[in-house]
Amino acid sequence: MDHHRILRIEKIQVQIVAVAALLVGYFFLAPALWTWDAEGPITFVPLAGYSRLVVFAISVSLIAAVAGVLTVKVRPQGALLAVLVGAGGVSLHSPEIRSLLWMRHDSLPGLFAGFAVETFLLLLLLVGIELLVSLARGLVRKFRHDWLWRSPLDGITVADKNGLFDRDANFFLNLPALRGDRKARRVLVQCGLCLIVTMVVAVAAMLCFARSADRGQILFALLISFLLAQLIAHWVFPVPYSIVAWSSPMLVGIGSFCVTAATLADGRPQAWADIPMIARALPIDWMTAGGGGALMGFWISSRVRELRHMEKKTS
């Protein structure tokens, strides 16, 4: 089968599963997470909504298990991307953060510290979802091994893999501080550089795109910033591991919340007005819009790099 057709079929499968997950997240999961305040944003730790956090974690895990089975024919990142799109229905359903800032104006540092803790917990949830998707695909492999997606890059030589994934880090690999086992260093350095570039570019893009506290503006800024950042980072320092992509917005989110908590003047009535736009995204937004954008960038870049290799191989 022509590789272009294989990529089109993969894209259609991921799109169908992602849209189905989005409908579930928006119409069923988001209403289940609603609080007593109809105007309040959907958040967990700052409002001591740990039972709702458990509901969210279980629901997203179920979506992940189903998506993992339905997307066995595509690359593993497709399942996680569908899960993040589905959880994005919660972000789309959530009101702005403004009412919560007004209500907690006398304890803003504690509020943003709670946001940082929540973002860290969502990062751990993403790790669990990644493992769950792998488990679901592993179960399918036991019964129908021929159903599982096979990377066309599995059979290429080590030299070709070096050219695909780690040739760009050679300068850094030769630094004295990084001497040691070359294979291990290559993986660590390449992933570290890709992660750093993603976060730096994304923060710079966020400062440009996040011009207001409007929910649509915040979600768009997160999505497009991490999409562009991962496309650039994966082009400069390509890596085969998607964790570098979806962990980057979570780390930036934790950092932004911690910096905001440390710099806010506690007790000042108008302190909420000084909060930067980058810190007005909810933890769930960093996970869904940020993580979804970064993973989408990784997915696109991986497909393009794979297509170029296949075209070169058949030419």
C-alpha atoms as a PDB file:
ATOM      1  CA  MET A   1       0.000   0.000   0.000  1.00  0.00           C
ATOM      2  CA  ASP A   2       1.258   3.497  -0.839  1.00  0.00           C
ATOM      3  CA  HIS A   3       2.656   5.216   2.253  1.00  0.00           C
ATOM      4  CA  HIS A   4       0.669   8.389   1.529  1.00  0.00           C
ATOM      5  CA  ARG A   5      -2.514   6.333   1.724  1.00  0.00           C
ATOM      6  CA  ILE A   6      -1.381   4.717   4.977  1.00  0.00           C
ATOM      7  CA  LEU A   7      -0.868   8.163   6.528  1.00  0.00           C
ATOM      8  CA  ARG A   8      -4.283   9.351   5.296  1.00  0.00           C
ATOM      9  CA  ILE A   9      -5.998   6.325   6.828  1.00  0.00           C
ATOM     10  CA  GLU A  10      -4.121   6.905  10.076  1.00  0.00           C
ATOM     11  CA  LYS A  11      -5.199  10.554  10.159  1.00  0.00           C
ATOM     12  CA  ILE A  12      -8.848   9.670   9.565  1.00  0.00           C
ATOM     13  CA  GLN A  13      -8.819   7.049  12.344  1.00  0.00           C
ATOM     14  CA  VAL A  14      -7.307   9.450  14.858  1.00  0.00           C
ATOM     15  CA  GLN A  15      -9.721  12.214  13.859  1.00  0.00           C
ATOM     16  CA  ILE A  16     -12.773   9.979  14.288  1.00  0.00           C
ATOM     17  CA  VAL A  17     -11.703   8.717  17.711  1.00  0.00           C
ATOM     18  CA  ALA A  18     -10.682  12.234  18.812  1.00  0.00           C
ATOM     19  CA  VAL A  19     -14.028  13.770  17.790  1.00  0.00           C
ATOM     20  CA  ALA A  20     -15.921  10.995  19.581  1.00  0.00           C
ATOM     21  CA  ALA A  21     -13.805  11.558  22.710  1.00  0.00           C
ATOM     22  CA  LEU A  22     -14.395  15.324  22.498  1.00  0.00           C
ATOM     23  CA  LEU A  23     -18.163  14.833  22.416  1.00  0.00           C
ATOM     24  CA  VAL A  24     -17.956  12.572  25.470  1.00  0.00           C
ATOM     25  CA  GLY A  25     -15.756  15.060  27.304  1.00  0.00           C
ATOM     26  CA  TYR A  26     -17.903  18.083  26.517  1.00  0.00           C
ATOM     27  CA  PHE A  27     -21.416  16.688  26.959  1.00  0.00           C
ATOM     28  CA  PHE A  28     -20.892  14.083  29.684  1.00  0.00           C
ATOM     29  CA  LEU A  29     -17.620  14.535  31.572  1.00  0.00           C
ATOM     30  CA  ALA A  30     -17.622  18.334  31.962  1.00  0.00           C
ATOM     31  CA  PRO A  31     -21.157  18.519  33.476  1.00  0.00           C
ATOM     32  CA  ALA A  32     -20.180  15.790  35.942  1.00  0.00           C
ATOM     33  CA  LEU A  33     -17.335  18.016  37.218  1.00  0.00           C
ATOM     34  CA  TRP A  34     -19.460  21.114  37.767  1.00  0.00           C
ATOM     35  CA  THR A  35     -19.287  22.852  41.125  1.00  0.00           C
ATOM     36  CA  TRP A  36     -21.895  24.777  43.078  1.00  0.00           C
ATOM     37  CA  ASP A  37     -20.696  27.976  41.409  1.00  0.00           C
ATOM     38  CA  ALA A  38     -22.021  27.990  37.837  1.00  0.00           C
ATOM     39  CA  GLU A  39     -19.665  30.850  36.959  1.00  0.00           C
ATOM     40  CA  GLY A  40     -16.590  29.266  38.543  1.00  0.00           C
ATOM     41  CA  PRO A  41     -13.842  27.565  36.536  1.00  0.00           C
ATOM     42  CA  ILE A  42     -13.360  23.808  36.591  1.00  0.00           C
ATOM     43  CA  THR A  43     -10.469  23.159  38.937  1.00  0.00           C
ATOM     44  CA  PHE A  44      -9.843  20.656  41.714  1.00  0.00           C
ATOM     45  CA  VAL A  45      -7.098  21.219  44.292  1.00  0.00           C
ATOM     46  CA  PRO A  46      -7.740  24.932  45.103  1.00  0.00           C
ATOM     47  CA  LEU A  47     -11.396  24.130  45.830  1.00  0.00           C
ATOM     48  CA  ALA A  48     -10.635  20.867  47.650  1.00  0.00           C
ATOM     49  CA  GLY A  49     -12.538  19.014  44.938  1.00  0.00           C
ATOM     50  CA  TYR A  50     -10.582  15.807  45.284  1.00  0.00           C
ATOM     51  CA  SER A  51     -13.608  13.610  44.619  1.00  0.00           C
ATOM     52  CA  ARG A  52     -14.143  15.423  41.307  1.00  0.00           C
ATOM     53  CA  LEU A  53     -10.461  14.934  40.521  1.00  0.00           C
ATOM     54  CA  VAL A  54     -10.911  11.202  41.053  1.00  0.00           C
ATOM     55  CA  VAL A  55     -13.965  11.222  38.775  1.00  0.00           C
ATOM     56  CA  PHE A  56     -11.971  13.069  36.139  1.00  0.00           C
ATOM     57  CA  ALA A  57      -9.013  10.679  36.413  1.00  0.00           C
ATOM     58  CA  ILE A  58     -11.216   7.579  36.165  1.00  0.00           C
ATOM     59  CA  SER A  59     -13.214   8.991  33.237  1.00  0.00           C
ATOM     60  CA  VAL A  60     -10.123  10.005  31.283  1.00  0.00           C
ATOM     61  CA  SER A  61      -8.555   6.612  31.996  1.00  0.00           C
ATOM     62  CA  LEU A  62     -11.618   4.870  30.569  1.00  0.00           C
ATOM     63  CA  ILE A  63     -11.425   7.051  27.466  1.00  0.00           C
ATOM     64  CA  ALA A  64      -7.737   6.163  27.206  1.00  0.00           C
ATOM     65  CA  ALA A  65      -8.433   2.426  27.433  1.00  0.00           C
ATOM     66  CA  VAL A  66     -11.079   2.605  24.702  1.00  0.00           C
ATOM     67  CA  ALA A  67      -8.950   4.874  22.522  1.00  0.00           C
ATOM     68  CA  GLY A  68      -5.968   2.567  22.974  1.00  0.00           C
ATOM     69  CA  VAL A  69      -7.966  -0.344  21.582  1.00  0.00           C
ATOM     70  CA  LEU A  70      -9.604   1.632  18.754  1.00  0.00           C
ATOM     71  CA  THR A  71      -6.296   3.052  17.549  1.00  0.00           C
ATOM     72  CA  VAL A  72      -4.134  -0.071  17.533  1.00  0.00           C
ATOM     73  CA  LYS A  73      -3.681   0.344  13.778  1.00  0.00           C
ATOM     74  CA  VAL A  74      -2.019   3.760  14.196  1.00  0.00           C
ATOM     75  CA  ARG A  75       1.054   4.996  16.057  1.00  0.00           C
ATOM     76  CA  PRO A  76       0.668   5.087  19.888  1.00  0.00           C
ATOM     77  CA  GLN A  77       0.666   8.892  19.995  1.00  0.00           C
ATOM     78  CA  GLY A  78      -2.675   8.864  18.166  1.00  0.00           C
ATOM     79  CA  ALA A  79      -4.454   7.322  21.157  1.00  0.00           C
ATOM     80  CA  LEU A  80      -3.024   9.821  23.647  1.00  0.00           C
ATOM     81  CA  LEU A  81      -3.849  12.679  21.289  1.00  0.00           C
ATOM     82  CA  ALA A  82      -7.462  11.495  21.141  1.00  0.00           C
ATOM     83  CA  VAL A  83      -7.566  11.349  24.951  1.00  0.00           C
ATOM     84  CA  LEU A  84      -6.274  14.910  25.290  1.00  0.00           C
ATOM     85  CA  VAL A  85      -8.797  16.132  22.733  1.00  0.00           C
ATOM     86  CA  GLY A  86     -11.536  14.380  24.690  1.00  0.00           C
ATOM     87  CA  ALA A  87     -10.419  15.922  27.963  1.00  0.00           C
ATOM     88  CA  GLY A  88     -10.320  19.225  26.079  1.00  0.00           C
ATOM     89  CA  GLY A  89     -14.111  19.155  26.196  1.00  0.00           C
ATOM     90  CA  VAL A  90     -13.749  20.001  29.888  1.00  0.00           C
ATOM     91  CA  SER A  91     -11.611  23.037  29.063  1.00  0.00           C
ATOM     92  CA  LEU A  92     -14.106  24.206  26.439  1.00  0.00           C
ATOM     93  CA  HIS A  93     -16.931  23.878  28.973  1.00  0.00           C
ATOM     94  CA  SER A  94     -15.140  25.716  31.792  1.00  0.00           C
ATOM     95  CA  PRO A  95     -15.787  29.432  32.495  1.00  0.00           C
ATOM     96  CA  GLU A  96     -12.959  31.944  32.964  1.00  0.00           C
ATOM     97  CA  ILE A  97     -10.655  32.016  35.972  1.00  0.00           C
ATOM     98  CA  ARG A  98     -11.701  35.592  36.851  1.00  0.00           C
ATOM     99  CA  SER A  99     -14.457  34.785  39.356  1.00  0.00           C
ATOM    100  CA  LEU A 100     -12.110  32.544  41.344  1.00  0.00           C
ATOM    101  CA  LEU A 101      -9.476  35.303  41.424  1.00  0.00           C
ATOM    102  CA  TRP A 102     -12.048  37.724  42.829  1.00  0.00           C
ATOM    103  CA  MET A 103     -13.232  35.215  45.437  1.00  0.00           C
ATOM    104  CA  ARG A 104      -9.671  34.404  46.573  1.00  0.00           C
ATOM    105  CA  HIS A 105      -8.168  37.881  46.186  1.00  0.00           C
ATOM    106  CA  ASP A 106      -6.899  37.803  49.759  1.00  0.00           C
ATOM    107  CA  SER A 107      -5.009  34.521  49.296  1.00  0.00           C
ATOM    108  CA  LEU A 108      -3.778  34.534  45.724  1.00  0.00           C
ATOM    109  CA  PRO A 109      -0.348  32.978  46.446  1.00  0.00           C
ATOM    110  CA  GLY A 110      -2.051  29.988  48.029  1.00  0.00           C
ATOM    111  CA  LEU A 111      -4.453  29.742  45.087  1.00  0.00           C
ATOM    112  CA  PHE A 112      -1.649  29.564  42.541  1.00  0.00           C
ATOM    113  CA  ALA A 113       0.323  27.160  44.701  1.00  0.00           C
ATOM    114  CA  GLY A 114      -2.765  24.942  44.556  1.00  0.00           C
ATOM    115  CA  PHE A 115      -2.811  25.296  40.769  1.00  0.00           C
ATOM    116  CA  ALA A 116       0.836  24.166  40.668  1.00  0.00           C
ATOM    117  CA  VAL A 117       0.022  21.076  42.761  1.00  0.00           C
ATOM    118  CA  GLU A 118      -2.965  20.279  40.548  1.00  0.00           C
ATOM    119  CA  THR A 119      -0.880  20.585  37.392  1.00  0.00           C
ATOM    120  CA  PHE A 120       1.679  18.201  38.870  1.00  0.00           C
ATOM    121  CA  LEU A 121      -1.079  15.696  39.664  1.00  0.00           C
ATOM    122  CA  LEU A 122      -2.379  15.983  36.097  1.00  0.00           C
ATOM    123  CA  LEU A 123       1.155  15.321  34.867  1.00  0.00           C
ATOM    124  CA  LEU A 124       1.184  12.103  36.887  1.00  0.00           C
ATOM    125  CA  LEU A 125      -2.218  11.286  35.397  1.00  0.00           C
ATOM    126  CA  LEU A 126      -0.755  11.685  31.906  1.00  0.00           C
ATOM    127  CA  VAL A 127       2.016   9.257  32.803  1.00  0.00           C
ATOM    128  CA  GLY A 128      -0.620   6.778  33.950  1.00  0.00           C
ATOM    129  CA  ILE A 129      -2.645   7.292  30.771  1.00  0.00           C
ATOM    130  CA  GLU A 130       0.444   6.638  28.648  1.00  0.00           C
ATOM    131  CA  LEU A 131       0.988   3.359  30.505  1.00  0.00           C
ATOM    132  CA  LEU A 132      -2.697   2.455  30.194  1.00  0.00           C
ATOM    133  CA  VAL A 133      -2.663   3.004  26.435  1.00  0.00           C
ATOM    134  CA  SER A 134       0.419   0.781  26.182  1.00  0.00           C
ATOM    135  CA  LEU A 135      -1.336  -1.877  28.275  1.00  0.00           C
ATOM    136  CA  ALA A 136      -4.452  -1.767  26.084  1.00  0.00           C
ATOM    137  CA  ARG A 137      -2.364  -2.141  22.939  1.00  0.00           C
ATOM    138  CA  GLY A 138      -0.400  -4.944  24.587  1.00  0.00           C
ATOM    139  CA  LEU A 139      -3.599  -6.872  25.306  1.00  0.00           C
ATOM    140  CA  VAL A 140      -4.672  -6.550  21.677  1.00  0.00           C
ATOM    141  CA  ARG A 141      -1.224  -7.785  20.610  1.00  0.00           C
ATOM    142  CA  LYS A 142      -1.754 -11.019  22.545  1.00  0.00           C
ATOM    143  CA  PHE A 143      -4.872 -11.894  20.548  1.00  0.00           C
ATOM    144  CA  ARG A 144      -4.281 -10.219  17.183  1.00  0.00           C
ATOM    145  CA  HIS A 145      -0.623  -9.398  16.695  1.00  0.00           C
ATOM    146  CA  ASP A 146      -1.250  -8.465  13.048  1.00  0.00           C
ATOM    147  CA  TRP A 147      -3.595  -5.634  14.087  1.00  0.00           C
ATOM    148  CA  LEU A 148      -0.912  -3.617  15.880  1.00  0.00           C
ATOM    149  CA  TRP A 149       0.714  -0.659  14.149  1.00  0.00           C
ATOM    150  CA  ARG A 150       4.216  -1.270  12.869  1.00  0.00           C
ATOM    151  CA  SER A 151       6.584   1.605  12.312  1.00  0.00           C
ATOM    152  CA  PRO A 152       8.167   1.624   8.841  1.00  0.00           C
ATOM    153  CA  LEU A 153      11.344   2.805  10.561  1.00  0.00           C
ATOM    154  CA  ASP A 154      11.738  -0.427  12.553  1.00  0.00           C
ATOM    155  CA  GLY A 155      13.792  -2.081   9.856  1.00  0.00           C
ATOM    156  CA  ILE A 156      16.178   0.740   9.027  1.00  0.00           C
ATOM    157  CA  THR A 157      19.852   0.633   9.884  1.00  0.00           C
ATOM    158  CA  VAL A 158      21.465   2.223  12.915  1.00  0.00           C
ATOM    159  CA  ALA A 159      23.185   4.759  10.672  1.00  0.00           C
ATOM    160  CA  ASP A 160      19.847   5.824   9.197  1.00  0.00           C
ATOM    161  CA  LYS A 161      18.324   6.110  12.663  1.00  0.00           C
ATOM    162  CA  ASN A 162      21.193   8.337  13.710  1.00  0.00           C
ATOM    163  CA  GLY A 163      20.454  10.533  10.733  1.00  0.00           C
ATOM    164  CA  LEU A 164      16.749  10.617  11.545  1.00  0.00           C
ATOM    165  CA  PHE A 165      16.867  11.298  15.246  1.00  0.00           C
ATOM    166  CA  ASP A 166      20.181  12.353  16.711  1.00  0.00           C
ATOM    167  CA  ARG A 167      22.543  13.864  14.171  1.00  0.00           C
ATOM    168  CA  ASP A 168      21.671  17.382  15.337  1.00  0.00           C
ATOM    169  CA  ALA A 169      23.018  16.880  18.855  1.00  0.00           C
ATOM    170  CA  ASN A 170      26.552  15.919  17.838  1.00  0.00           C
ATOM    171  CA  PHE A 171      28.025  19.261  18.950  1.00  0.00           C
ATOM    172  CA  PHE A 172      26.587  18.862  22.444  1.00  0.00           C
ATOM    173  CA  LEU A 173      27.552  15.187  22.631  1.00  0.00           C
ATOM    174  CA  ASN A 174      31.204  16.148  22.212  1.00  0.00           C
ATOM    175  CA  LEU A 175      31.219  18.523  25.179  1.00  0.00           C
ATOM    176  CA  PRO A 176      33.578  17.324  27.975  1.00  0.00           C
ATOM    177  CA  ALA A 177      30.818  17.338  30.567  1.00  0.00           C
ATOM    178  CA  LEU A 178      28.826  14.820  28.523  1.00  0.00           C
ATOM    179  CA  ARG A 179      31.501  12.203  27.970  1.00  0.00           C
ATOM    180  CA  GLY A 180      30.544   8.633  28.736  1.00  0.00           C
ATOM    181  CA  ASP A 181      28.435   5.996  27.053  1.00  0.00           C
ATOM    182  CA  ARG A 182      27.634   7.569  23.687  1.00  0.00           C
ATOM    183  CA  LYS A 183      24.310   5.811  23.098  1.00  0.00           C
ATOM    184  CA  ALA A 184      22.883   6.798  26.477  1.00  0.00           C
ATOM    185  CA  ARG A 185      24.218  10.323  26.152  1.00  0.00           C
ATOM    186  CA  ARG A 186      22.691  10.687  22.707  1.00  0.00           C
ATOM    187  CA  VAL A 187      19.213   9.833  23.952  1.00  0.00           C
ATOM    188  CA  LEU A 188      19.408  12.024  27.058  1.00  0.00           C
ATOM    189  CA  VAL A 189      20.965  15.024  25.329  1.00  0.00           C
ATOM    190  CA  GLN A 190      18.616  14.897  22.367  1.00  0.00           C
ATOM    191  CA  CYS A 191      15.531  14.654  24.597  1.00  0.00           C
ATOM    192  CA  GLY A 192      16.785  17.363  26.941  1.00  0.00           C
ATOM    193  CA  LEU A 193      17.512  19.774  24.102  1.00  0.00           C
ATOM    194  CA  CYS A 194      14.159  19.097  22.462  1.00  0.00           C
ATOM    195  CA  LEU A 195      12.390  19.717  25.772  1.00  0.00           C
ATOM    196  CA  ILE A 196      14.248  22.970  26.435  1.00  0.00           C
ATOM    197  CA  VAL A 197      13.622  24.326  22.942  1.00  0.00           C
ATOM    198  CA  THR A 198       9.937  23.411  23.190  1.00  0.00           C
ATOM    199  CA  MET A 199       9.481  25.237  26.486  1.00  0.00           C
ATOM    200  CA  VAL A 200      11.439  28.349  25.482  1.00  0.00           C
ATOM    201  CA  VAL A 201       9.692  28.742  22.137  1.00  0.00           C
ATOM    202  CA  ALA A 202       6.278  28.024  23.672  1.00  0.00           C
ATOM    203  CA  VAL A 203       6.692  30.645  26.412  1.00  0.00           C
ATOM    204  CA  ALA A 204       7.785  33.234  23.848  1.00  0.00           C
ATOM    205  CA  ALA A 205       4.822  32.370  21.634  1.00  0.00           C
ATOM    206  CA  MET A 206       2.425  32.470  24.594  1.00  0.00           C
ATOM    207  CA  LEU A 207       3.548  35.998  25.433  1.00  0.00           C
ATOM    208  CA  CYS A 208       2.666  36.987  21.871  1.00  0.00           C
ATOM    209  CA  PHE A 209      -0.627  35.112  21.454  1.00  0.00           C
ATOM    210  CA  ALA A 210      -2.162  35.413  24.947  1.00  0.00           C
ATOM    211  CA  ARG A 211      -3.389  38.993  24.674  1.00  0.00           C
ATOM    212  CA  SER A 212      -6.542  38.716  26.827  1.00  0.00           C
ATOM    213  CA  ALA A 213      -8.073  36.574  29.559  1.00  0.00           C
ATOM    214  CA  ASP A 214     -10.870  35.377  27.283  1.00  0.00           C
ATOM    215  CA  ARG A 215     -11.198  31.582  27.411  1.00  0.00           C
ATOM    216  CA  GLY A 216     -11.007  31.175  23.659  1.00  0.00           C
ATOM    217  CA  GLN A 217      -7.890  33.349  23.507  1.00  0.00           C
ATOM    218  CA  ILE A 218      -6.159  31.422  26.291  1.00  0.00           C
ATOM    219  CA  LEU A 219      -6.927  28.008  24.807  1.00  0.00           C
ATOM    220  CA  PHE A 220      -5.903  29.122  21.321  1.00  0.00           C
ATOM    221  CA  ALA A 221      -2.647  30.594  22.644  1.00  0.00           C
ATOM    222  CA  LEU A 222      -1.777  27.359  24.454  1.00  0.00           C
ATOM    223  CA  LEU A 223      -2.667  25.139  21.510  1.00  0.00           C
ATOM    224  CA  ILE A 224      -0.874  27.106  18.798  1.00  0.00           C
ATOM    225  CA  SER A 225       2.146  27.977  20.964  1.00  0.00           C
ATOM    226  CA  PHE A 226       2.988  24.389  21.873  1.00  0.00           C
ATOM    227  CA  LEU A 227       2.105  23.121  18.414  1.00  0.00           C
ATOM    228  CA  LEU A 228       4.589  25.534  16.820  1.00  0.00           C
ATOM    229  CA  ALA A 229       7.140  24.992  19.591  1.00  0.00           C
ATOM    230  CA  GLN A 230       7.153  21.224  19.159  1.00  0.00           C
ATOM    231  CA  LEU A 231       7.311  21.462  15.370  1.00  0.00           C
ATOM    232  CA  ILE A 232      10.392  23.670  15.692  1.00  0.00           C
ATOM    233  CA  ALA A 233      11.992  21.642  18.492  1.00  0.00           C
ATOM    234  CA  HIS A 234      11.388  18.316  16.768  1.00  0.00           C
ATOM    235  CA  TRP A 235      12.814  19.688  13.533  1.00  0.00           C
ATOM    236  CA  VAL A 236      15.974  20.958  15.244  1.00  0.00           C
ATOM    237  CA  PHE A 237      16.365  18.116  17.771  1.00  0.00           C
ATOM    238  CA  PRO A 238      14.183  15.181  16.659  1.00  0.00           C
ATOM    239  CA  VAL A 239      13.369  12.516  19.249  1.00  0.00           C
ATOM    240  CA  PRO A 240      11.313   9.302  19.024  1.00  0.00           C
ATOM    241  CA  TYR A 241       9.696   9.720  22.476  1.00  0.00           C
ATOM    242  CA  SER A 242       6.394  11.617  22.783  1.00  0.00           C
ATOM    243  CA  ILE A 243       6.839  12.191  26.531  1.00  0.00           C
ATOM    244  CA  VAL A 244       9.165  15.056  25.616  1.00  0.00           C
ATOM    245  CA  ALA A 245       6.216  16.715  23.865  1.00  0.00           C
ATOM    246  CA  TRP A 246       3.305  16.269  26.273  1.00  0.00           C
ATOM    247  CA  SER A 247       5.328  16.859  29.435  1.00  0.00           C
ATOM    248  CA  SER A 248       6.612  20.261  28.261  1.00  0.00           C
ATOM    249  CA  PRO A 249       3.381  22.261  28.788  1.00  0.00           C
ATOM    250  CA  MET A 250       2.877  20.674  32.186  1.00  0.00           C
ATOM    251  CA  LEU A 251       6.364  21.742  33.284  1.00  0.00           C
ATOM    252  CA  VAL A 252       5.820  25.272  31.935  1.00  0.00           C
ATOM    253  CA  GLY A 253       2.450  25.430  33.687  1.00  0.00           C
ATOM    254  CA  ILE A 254       3.927  24.357  37.021  1.00  0.00           C
ATOM    255  CA  GLY A 255       6.687  26.925  36.604  1.00  0.00           C
ATOM    256  CA  SER A 256       4.315  29.761  35.732  1.00  0.00           C
ATOM    257  CA  PHE A 257       2.067  29.013  38.714  1.00  0.00           C
ATOM    258  CA  CYS A 258       5.027  28.819  41.103  1.00  0.00           C
ATOM    259  CA  VAL A 259       6.492  32.104  39.836  1.00  0.00           C
ATOM    260  CA  THR A 260       3.094  33.797  40.098  1.00  0.00           C
ATOM    261  CA  ALA A 261       2.556  32.506  43.630  1.00  0.00           C
ATOM    262  CA  ALA A 262       5.997  33.772  44.663  1.00  0.00           C
ATOM    263  CA  THR A 263       5.614  37.243  43.160  1.00  0.00           C
ATOM    264  CA  LEU A 264       2.049  38.162  44.082  1.00  0.00           C
ATOM    265  CA  ALA A 265       1.552  40.576  46.989  1.00  0.00           C
ATOM    266  CA  ASP A 266      -0.807  38.820  49.366  1.00  0.00           C
ATOM    267  CA  GLY A 267      -3.829  40.780  50.549  1.00  0.00           C
ATOM    268  CA  ARG A 268      -3.763  43.636  48.016  1.00  0.00           C
ATOM    269  CA  PRO A 269      -7.337  44.073  46.674  1.00  0.00           C
ATOM    270  CA  GLN A 270      -6.311  44.610  43.027  1.00  0.00           C
ATOM    271  CA  ALA A 271      -3.476  42.066  42.947  1.00  0.00           C
ATOM    272  CA  TRP A 272      -5.483  39.804  40.630  1.00  0.00           C
ATOM    273  CA  ALA A 273      -5.276  42.441  37.888  1.00  0.00           C
ATOM    274  CA  ASP A 274      -1.462  42.084  37.784  1.00  0.00           C
ATOM    275  CA  ILE A 275      -1.535  38.351  37.076  1.00  0.00           C
ATOM    276  CA  PRO A 276       0.106  37.694  33.660  1.00  0.00           C
ATOM    277  CA  MET A 277      -2.009  36.133  30.938  1.00  0.00           C
ATOM    278  CA  ILE A 278       0.221  33.050  30.815  1.00  0.00           C
ATOM    279  CA  ALA A 279      -0.775  32.273  34.427  1.00  0.00           C
ATOM    280  CA  ARG A 280      -4.524  32.661  33.751  1.00  0.00           C
ATOM    281  CA  ALA A 281      -4.748  29.295  32.039  1.00  0.00           C
ATOM    282  CA  LEU A 282      -6.235  26.597  34.272  1.00  0.00           C
ATOM    283  CA  PRO A 283      -4.275  23.414  35.060  1.00  0.00           C
ATOM    284  CA  ILE A 284      -6.711  21.468  32.886  1.00  0.00           C
ATOM    285  CA  ASP A 285      -5.881  23.877  30.027  1.00  0.00           C
ATOM    286  CA  TRP A 286      -2.151  23.150  30.247  1.00  0.00           C
ATOM    287  CA  MET A 287      -2.978  19.449  30.038  1.00  0.00           C
ATOM    288  CA  THR A 288      -5.505  19.570  27.194  1.00  0.00           C
ATOM    289  CA  ALA A 289      -4.765  22.589  24.991  1.00  0.00           C
ATOM    290  CA  GLY A 290      -1.054  22.714  25.802  1.00  0.00           C
ATOM    291  CA  GLY A 291      -0.450  18.975  25.864  1.00  0.00           C
ATOM    292  CA  GLY A 292      -2.712  18.402  22.869  1.00  0.00           C
ATOM    293  CA  GLY A 293      -0.933  21.082  20.848  1.00  0.00           C
ATOM    294  CA  ALA A 294       2.526  19.753  21.707  1.00  0.00           C
ATOM    295  CA  LEU A 295       1.553  16.158  20.961  1.00  0.00           C
ATOM    296  CA  MET A 296      -0.059  17.234  17.702  1.00  0.00           C
ATOM    297  CA  GLY A 297       3.194  18.927  16.721  1.00  0.00           C
ATOM    298  CA  PHE A 298       5.131  15.773  17.606  1.00  0.00           C
ATOM    299  CA  TRP A 299       2.656  13.616  15.656  1.00  0.00           C
ATOM    300  CA  ILE A 300       2.844  15.815  12.547  1.00  0.00           C
ATOM    301  CA  SER A 301       6.630  16.067  12.666  1.00  0.00           C
ATOM    302  CA  SER A 302       7.021  12.298  13.122  1.00  0.00           C
ATOM    303  CA  ARG A 303       4.760  11.616  10.143  1.00  0.00           C
ATOM    304  CA  VAL A 304       6.647  14.089   7.939  1.00  0.00           C
ATOM    305  CA  ARG A 305      10.038  12.650   8.922  1.00  0.00           C
ATOM    306  CA  GLU A 306       8.757   9.135   8.334  1.00  0.00           C
ATOM    307  CA  LEU A 307       7.314  10.105   4.932  1.00  0.00           C
ATOM    308  CA  ARG A 308      10.598  11.674   3.844  1.00  0.00           C
ATOM    309  CA  HIS A 309      12.446   8.506   4.778  1.00  0.00           C
ATOM    310  CA  MET A 310      10.011   6.314   2.834  1.00  0.00           C
ATOM    311  CA  GLU A 311      10.198   8.552  -0.230  1.00  0.00           C
ATOM    312  CA  LYS A 312      13.993   8.485  -0.055  1.00  0.00           C
ATOM    313  CA  LYS A 313      13.937   4.704   0.328  1.00  0.00           C
ATOM    314  CA  THR A 314      11.732   4.163  -2.739  1.00  0.00           C
ATOM    315  CA  SER A 315      13.471   6.724  -4.945  1.00  0.00           C
END
